[in-house]
Every structure is written in C-alpha cells, then in structure tokens.
Amino acid sequence: MLRLNLCFKECRVTQMQLVRATGYSKALISRALSKGELPVDSPRFIGAVVLFVEANEKMSQWLQERDLEPLALFDLVDAQGNTIRGQGVLKDPPVELDAAILAMVGRTVTLGPNRKDTMNLGRITLYLLEQLRQLPIGMDALGEIEVGAGRLLLQEMTS
C-alpha cells in the first residue's frame, strides 16, 4: 500500500474527500491507496494529490511530524509504515503501449470485447491524448496528424 493510505487513516481523511478534490473516481483512488496502482496519467494524479495534501492542515502536519516530503506519500509501505520500496510507484517502467494495444486487440478478436479491455482502452486513449496535447504543436497540427495518418493507412491498404 502507499504511505498515503496510512496518512489518510491517521488523519481521518476519507477517500471521498480526495475524489471530490481531484475528480478521479473512487475506484481509482481506492486502487491507488491500497495497491499502489496509479492511473496512466500518474504525474497529474500525483500532482493533484500533493496539492490536496498541502491544502489539508492535518495531513501537512502529519508529514512535518515525520520529516517527510509530500512525494514520500507515494512510497510503498507495509501496515506499520515501514518502507518496502521508496517512491516505487514513480520508478515503474514506462507503459509499453504497443504491447498493451496488441494484447487488447488480440483478446478482443479471440474472446470478444469485455469490460476490463474497454476500460484499459479508455485509459490508453486518454494517455495518448494527453501526450499529444503536450507536444509543441497547435490544434490545427493535430488535425493534420489525423489526416496524415489516414493517408498513410490508405497507402498501406492499397499496397
């Protein structure tokens, strides 16, 4: 679990408070707190949680009492708060989008669509859109990318 989970318990902060403050779903927040599984847009999620913690007096004090920085809340810890892996969440390997998409398509073709694959596809799509938005190009250029990709696909299909 994340150290953040211990902080929530000891400061009597509810998951719903974080849900309301960040806009993330309760299921996502619960999975992050209990299992350390962060969403695809983990830098944004971490930033939103840090802002929430800094705005909460009890949680900020909890960190100060333990001489911890806000990012230490993302350390993986045991039930007693002993660090298992420091900021392990941030050191996870990057998402292998090619493998994720191919695996999802393969399962869908062989087994038919299911809820988990649909949710994963949604997460991957949001991640890719966020990556596109961070490129130093304007919205018109995004349209050009789509047109260019369509042309490439047509060329592949005709050859």
Protein backbone atom coordinates (compact mmCIF):
# COMPACT_ATOMS: atom_id res chain seq x y z
CA MET A 1 0.00 0.00 0.00
CA LEU A 2 1.01 3.61 -0.34
CA ARG A 3 2.13 5.64 2.67
CA LEU A 4 -0.68 7.98 1.60
CA ASN A 5 -3.14 5.33 2.83
CA LEU A 6 -1.64 5.45 6.34
CA CYS A 7 -1.75 9.24 6.28
CA PHE A 8 -5.44 9.12 5.33
CA LYS A 9 -6.24 6.71 8.16
CA GLU A 10 -4.30 8.57 10.85
CA CYS A 11 -5.61 11.98 9.79
CA ARG A 12 -9.16 10.66 9.38
CA VAL A 13 -9.40 11.85 5.80
CA THR A 14 -11.82 9.97 3.56
CA GLN A 15 -11.32 8.80 0.03
CA MET A 16 -14.44 10.75 -0.95
CA GLN A 17 -12.72 13.99 0.06
CA LEU A 18 -9.91 13.21 -2.38
CA VAL A 19 -12.43 12.14 -5.04
CA ARG A 20 -14.22 15.49 -4.74
CA ALA A 21 -10.99 17.48 -4.73
CA THR A 22 -9.33 15.75 -7.70
CA GLY A 23 -12.19 14.49 -9.86
CA TYR A 24 -10.73 10.99 -10.02
CA SER A 25 -13.09 8.05 -9.47
CA LYS A 26 -13.45 6.37 -6.08
CA ALA A 27 -12.35 3.05 -7.59
CA LEU A 28 -9.15 4.59 -8.95
CA ILE A 29 -8.39 6.32 -5.64
CA SER A 30 -9.05 3.10 -3.72
CA ARG A 31 -6.78 1.08 -6.02
CA ALA A 32 -4.01 3.66 -5.68
CA LEU A 33 -4.23 3.77 -1.88
CA SER A 34 -4.48 0.05 -1.23
CA LYS A 35 -2.40 -1.46 -4.06
CA GLY A 36 -0.19 1.41 -5.17
CA GLU A 37 -1.59 1.21 -8.71
CA LEU A 38 -1.62 4.68 -10.23
CA PRO A 39 -3.52 5.76 -13.32
CA VAL A 40 -1.82 6.15 -16.69
CA ASP A 41 -1.60 9.90 -16.10
CA SER A 42 0.31 9.33 -12.85
CA PRO A 43 2.22 12.64 -12.89
CA ARG A 44 -1.06 14.55 -12.98
CA PHE A 45 -2.57 12.28 -10.32
CA ILE A 46 0.46 12.73 -8.04
CA GLY A 47 0.33 16.49 -8.55
CA ALA A 48 -3.37 16.61 -7.66
CA VAL A 49 -2.81 14.51 -4.52
CA VAL A 50 0.15 16.67 -3.43
CA LEU A 51 -1.97 19.82 -3.82
CA PHE A 52 -4.75 18.18 -1.79
CA VAL A 53 -2.32 17.17 0.96
CA GLU A 54 -0.71 20.60 1.10
CA ALA A 55 -4.15 22.21 1.44
CA ASN A 56 -5.10 19.86 4.30
CA GLU A 57 -3.70 21.08 7.60
CA LYS A 58 -3.79 17.69 9.37
CA MET A 59 -2.04 15.90 6.54
CA SER A 60 0.61 18.61 6.17
CA GLN A 61 1.27 18.39 9.91
CA TRP A 62 1.44 14.57 9.68
CA LEU A 63 4.19 14.92 7.07
CA GLN A 64 6.09 17.51 9.13
CA GLU A 65 5.98 15.34 12.26
CA ARG A 66 7.65 12.53 10.31
CA ASP A 67 10.04 14.84 8.46
CA LEU A 68 8.67 13.68 5.11
CA GLU A 69 8.21 15.42 1.79
CA PRO A 70 4.83 15.06 0.02
CA LEU A 71 6.30 12.69 -2.59
CA ALA A 72 7.16 10.26 0.23
CA LEU A 73 3.42 9.57 0.40
CA PHE A 74 3.90 7.51 -2.75
CA ASP A 75 6.39 5.13 -1.12
CA LEU A 76 5.17 1.56 -0.87
CA VAL A 77 4.93 0.62 2.81
CA ASP A 78 3.78 -2.26 5.00
CA ALA A 79 0.94 -1.99 7.53
CA GLN A 80 3.30 -0.49 10.15
CA GLY A 81 4.54 2.21 7.77
CA ASN A 82 7.95 0.66 7.11
CA THR A 83 9.15 1.47 3.60
CA ILE A 84 9.15 -1.50 1.26
CA ARG A 85 10.19 0.47 -1.78
CA GLY A 86 10.85 4.19 -1.78
CA GLN A 87 8.80 6.02 -4.37
CA GLY A 88 8.49 2.74 -6.21
CA VAL A 89 5.45 3.98 -7.99
CA LEU A 90 7.49 6.65 -9.75
CA LYS A 91 10.19 4.19 -10.81
CA ASP A 92 7.91 1.75 -12.60
CA PRO A 93 8.91 1.11 -16.21
CA PRO A 94 7.13 3.21 -18.80
CA VAL A 95 3.90 1.91 -20.25
CA GLU A 96 4.53 -0.27 -23.29
CA LEU A 97 1.66 0.98 -25.39
CA ASP A 98 2.40 -1.25 -28.38
CA ALA A 99 2.22 -4.39 -26.26
CA ALA A 100 -0.89 -3.22 -24.38
CA ILE A 101 -2.78 -2.35 -27.55
CA LEU A 102 -1.78 -5.55 -29.36
CA ALA A 103 -2.71 -7.71 -26.36
CA MET A 104 -6.07 -5.98 -26.08
CA VAL A 105 -6.82 -6.34 -29.79
CA GLY A 106 -5.77 -9.98 -29.72
CA ARG A 107 -8.05 -10.78 -26.77
CA THR A 108 -10.94 -8.89 -28.35
CA VAL A 109 -10.56 -10.78 -31.64
CA THR A 110 -10.32 -14.19 -29.99
CA LEU A 111 -12.63 -13.79 -26.99
CA GLY A 112 -14.80 -10.79 -27.82
CA PRO A 113 -14.82 -7.45 -26.01
CA ASN A 114 -15.02 -7.29 -22.23
CA ARG A 115 -15.34 -4.52 -19.65
CA LYS A 116 -11.70 -4.62 -18.50
CA ASP A 117 -10.34 -4.27 -22.03
CA THR A 118 -12.76 -1.44 -22.75
CA MET A 119 -11.62 0.40 -19.61
CA ASN A 120 -7.95 -0.18 -20.48
CA LEU A 121 -8.53 1.12 -23.99
CA GLY A 122 -10.12 4.23 -22.49
CA ARG A 123 -7.11 4.77 -20.20
CA ILE A 124 -4.65 4.29 -23.05
CA THR A 125 -6.62 6.70 -25.24
CA LEU A 126 -6.62 9.36 -22.52
CA TYR A 127 -2.90 8.86 -22.01
CA LEU A 128 -2.18 9.22 -25.73
CA LEU A 129 -4.36 12.33 -25.99
CA GLU A 130 -2.51 13.89 -23.06
CA GLN A 131 0.82 13.10 -24.70
CA LEU A 132 -0.39 14.73 -27.94
CA ARG A 133 -1.55 17.82 -26.05
CA GLN A 134 1.92 18.20 -24.57
CA LEU A 135 3.57 18.30 -27.99
CA PRO A 136 4.67 21.79 -29.05
CA ILE A 137 2.08 21.95 -31.83
CA GLY A 138 -1.28 23.65 -32.15
CA MET A 139 -4.71 22.11 -32.51
CA ASP A 140 -4.60 22.56 -36.30
CA ALA A 141 -1.49 20.44 -36.38
CA LEU A 142 -3.36 17.67 -34.54
CA GLY A 143 -5.89 17.68 -37.34
CA GLU A 144 -3.03 17.45 -39.81
CA ILE A 145 -1.66 14.47 -37.90
CA GLU A 146 -5.03 12.70 -38.21
CA VAL A 147 -5.27 13.45 -41.95
CA GLY A 148 -1.67 12.34 -42.45
CA ALA A 149 -2.27 9.13 -40.51
CA GLY A 150 -5.36 8.43 -42.63
CA ARG A 151 -3.32 8.91 -45.81
CA LEU A 152 -0.65 6.52 -44.53
CA LEU A 153 -3.27 3.90 -43.70
CA LEU A 154 -4.78 4.21 -47.19
CA GLN A 155 -1.34 3.80 -48.75
CA GLU A 156 -0.73 0.66 -46.67
CA MET A 157 -4.08 -0.81 -47.67
CA THR A 158 -3.55 -0.21 -51.38
CA SER A 159 0.00 -1.58 -51.49
